[in-house]
Amino acid sequence: MSDDAKQNLSERRDPLALLRRLFDAALDAVDAAKTLPPCLPAPPKGRTIVVGAGKAAAKMARVVEDHWSGALAGIVVTRYGHGVPCRHVEVVEAAHPVPDAAGQAAAERILAAATGLSPEDLVICLLSGGASALLALPAPDLTLDDKQAVTRELLRSGATIS
């Protein structure tokens, strides 16, 4: 009996094994270390700025650093506990799903990093799940407290992300 046939038989007896194998295959299919490098453009004549947000933003920033041939700098924000050490891109951790002051400060700094660029500069924007909560920059007439209260109520009501 082939190895594949043995695995199929085992999975029919243990559906959790099949589900785990499918889950692992899905994670492998979206692994930034595999999917991001082929998408990176050539370095520009000007500066390269990396900005981003989401639970995978720090990992993606590290992948960019590991595969980038030119100079770069930037800032990304990720959920507490999801930081990854980077050499040139600053990693900030903030709250998710209810935003906090760290996320608001990071959003302000990301906006500043992407301001005043020239046509010869390149911005690489890395977004993953959780970015909307981590980029907590309320509109001028709103406060962070307002945004937190609305988020808590939406979560409590069972509202979906849609």
Protein backbone atom coordinates (compact mmCIF):
# COMPACT_ATOMS: atom_id res chain seq x y z
CA MET A 1 0.00 0.00 0.00
CA SER A 2 1.38 3.43 -0.96
CA ASP A 3 2.04 6.12 1.63
CA ASP A 4 -0.79 8.23 0.18
CA ALA A 5 -3.22 5.33 0.42
CA LYS A 6 -2.18 4.70 4.02
CA GLN A 7 -2.69 8.38 4.85
CA ASN A 8 -6.15 8.41 3.19
CA LEU A 9 -7.19 5.33 5.15
CA SER A 10 -5.91 6.86 8.37
CA GLU A 11 -7.81 10.10 7.70
CA ARG A 12 -11.08 8.23 7.05
CA ARG A 13 -10.70 6.72 10.50
CA ASP A 14 -9.68 10.05 12.06
CA PRO A 15 -11.41 13.08 10.45
CA LEU A 16 -9.47 15.42 12.76
CA ALA A 17 -6.25 14.25 11.09
CA LEU A 18 -7.70 15.24 7.71
CA LEU A 19 -8.82 18.61 9.04
CA ARG A 20 -5.37 19.22 10.51
CA ARG A 21 -3.70 18.32 7.23
CA LEU A 22 -6.03 20.69 5.34
CA PHE A 23 -5.39 23.48 7.87
CA ASP A 24 -1.63 23.00 7.60
CA ALA A 25 -1.86 23.04 3.79
CA ALA A 26 -3.85 26.29 3.90
CA LEU A 27 -1.28 27.94 6.17
CA ASP A 28 1.54 26.72 3.95
CA ALA A 29 -0.21 28.15 0.86
CA VAL A 30 -0.28 31.67 2.34
CA ASP A 31 3.12 31.62 4.04
CA ALA A 32 4.68 35.06 3.47
CA ALA A 33 8.12 33.50 3.11
CA LYS A 34 6.86 31.71 -0.02
CA THR A 35 4.31 34.13 -1.45
CA LEU A 36 5.86 37.55 -0.87
CA PRO A 37 9.38 37.37 -2.42
CA PRO A 38 8.19 36.77 -6.01
CA CYS A 39 5.91 39.83 -5.73
CA LEU A 40 8.61 42.29 -4.68
CA PRO A 41 9.51 44.89 -7.32
CA ALA A 42 13.00 46.07 -8.15
CA PRO A 43 14.41 48.71 -5.81
CA PRO A 44 13.54 52.25 -6.95
CA LYS A 45 15.90 55.16 -7.66
CA GLY A 46 14.63 56.82 -4.49
CA ARG A 47 13.82 55.54 -1.02
CA THR A 48 11.90 52.40 -0.12
CA ILE A 49 9.47 52.76 2.77
CA VAL A 50 7.72 49.73 4.27
CA VAL A 51 4.44 50.36 6.12
CA GLY A 52 1.89 47.87 7.27
CA ALA A 53 -0.58 46.56 9.77
CA GLY A 54 -2.10 43.25 10.78
CA LYS A 55 -1.36 40.13 12.72
CA ALA A 56 1.14 39.01 10.05
CA ALA A 57 2.64 42.46 9.35
CA ALA A 58 5.84 41.91 11.33
CA LYS A 59 6.50 38.52 9.73
CA MET A 60 5.89 40.02 6.28
CA ALA A 61 8.25 42.93 7.07
CA ARG A 62 10.95 40.43 8.04
CA VAL A 63 10.45 38.57 4.76
CA VAL A 64 10.79 41.83 2.82
CA GLU A 65 14.00 42.63 4.70
CA ASP A 66 15.39 39.15 4.02
CA HIS A 67 14.72 39.45 0.26
CA TRP A 68 15.33 43.15 -0.43
CA SER A 69 18.55 44.11 -2.17
CA GLY A 70 18.40 47.86 -1.51
CA ALA A 71 18.10 50.13 1.48
CA LEU A 72 14.75 50.35 3.22
CA ALA A 73 13.11 51.70 6.35
CA GLY A 74 9.62 51.80 7.75
CA ILE A 75 7.14 50.89 10.44
CA VAL A 76 4.49 48.20 10.84
CA VAL A 77 1.98 47.56 13.63
CA THR A 78 0.94 44.10 14.76
CA ARG A 79 -1.02 42.55 17.60
CA TYR A 80 0.61 42.19 21.01
CA GLY A 81 2.65 38.99 21.02
CA HIS A 82 3.01 38.83 17.21
CA GLY A 83 6.16 40.92 16.88
CA VAL A 84 9.12 39.60 14.91
CA PRO A 85 12.59 41.15 15.13
CA CYS A 86 13.45 43.28 12.10
CA ARG A 87 16.64 45.15 11.26
CA HIS A 88 15.31 48.16 9.32
CA VAL A 89 11.55 48.17 9.82
CA GLU A 90 10.27 49.17 13.24
CA VAL A 91 7.69 46.79 14.67
CA VAL A 92 5.07 48.26 17.02
CA GLU A 93 2.65 46.08 18.96
CA ALA A 94 -0.90 47.23 19.74
CA ALA A 95 -4.30 45.89 20.78
CA HIS A 96 -6.66 43.82 18.68
CA PRO A 97 -9.64 43.67 18.25
CA VAL A 98 -10.35 46.71 20.45
CA PRO A 99 -7.85 49.42 19.42
CA ASP A 100 -5.61 51.19 21.94
CA ALA A 101 -3.35 54.25 22.15
CA ALA A 102 -0.36 52.27 20.85
CA GLY A 103 -2.27 51.51 17.64
CA GLN A 104 -3.34 55.13 17.29
CA ALA A 105 0.25 56.35 17.71
CA ALA A 106 1.49 53.75 15.21
CA ALA A 107 -1.17 54.82 12.68
CA GLU A 108 -0.04 58.44 13.01
CA ARG A 109 3.59 57.42 12.48
CA ILE A 110 2.71 55.24 9.47
CA LEU A 111 0.86 58.15 7.90
CA ALA A 112 3.88 60.40 8.54
CA ALA A 113 6.24 57.81 7.00
CA ALA A 114 4.21 57.82 3.78
CA THR A 115 4.08 61.63 3.56
CA GLY A 116 6.43 63.79 1.50
CA LEU A 117 7.63 61.08 -0.85
CA SER A 118 8.83 61.71 -4.38
CA PRO A 119 7.85 59.90 -7.59
CA GLU A 120 11.15 58.03 -7.35
CA ASP A 121 10.29 56.57 -3.93
CA LEU A 122 8.53 53.27 -3.34
CA VAL A 123 6.07 52.38 -0.60
CA ILE A 124 5.57 48.71 0.14
CA CYS A 125 2.32 48.32 2.08
CA LEU A 126 1.86 45.08 4.00
CA LEU A 127 -1.69 44.41 5.23
CA SER A 128 -3.12 41.30 6.86
CA GLY A 129 -6.04 40.38 9.07
CA GLY A 130 -6.51 42.76 11.99
CA ALA A 131 -5.20 45.83 10.19
CA SER A 132 -8.39 47.85 10.64
CA ALA A 133 -8.26 47.48 14.43
CA LEU A 134 -4.52 48.08 14.61
CA LEU A 135 -4.64 51.28 12.54
CA ALA A 136 -6.76 53.19 15.04
CA LEU A 137 -6.73 56.72 13.69
CA PRO A 138 -10.20 58.14 14.42
CA ALA A 139 -11.70 60.85 12.22
CA PRO A 140 -11.14 64.42 13.52
CA ASP A 141 -14.52 64.63 15.29
CA LEU A 142 -14.05 61.27 17.06
CA THR A 143 -11.83 60.08 19.90
CA LEU A 144 -10.08 56.81 20.55
CA ASP A 145 -12.60 56.24 23.37
CA ASP A 146 -15.42 56.60 20.80
CA LYS A 147 -13.81 54.07 18.51
CA GLN A 148 -13.20 51.64 21.38
CA ALA A 149 -16.81 51.92 22.58
CA VAL A 150 -18.24 51.28 19.11
CA THR A 151 -15.89 48.33 18.60
CA ARG A 152 -16.86 46.79 21.94
CA GLU A 153 -20.58 47.18 21.16
CA LEU A 154 -20.17 45.64 17.71
CA LEU A 155 -18.27 42.70 19.20
CA ARG A 156 -20.87 42.28 21.94
CA SER A 157 -23.70 42.32 19.38
CA GLY A 158 -22.12 39.54 17.35
CA ALA A 159 -21.66 41.74 14.28
CA THR A 160 -19.35 40.26 11.68
CA ILE A 161 -16.36 42.08 10.24
CA SER A 162 -18.48 42.73 7.14
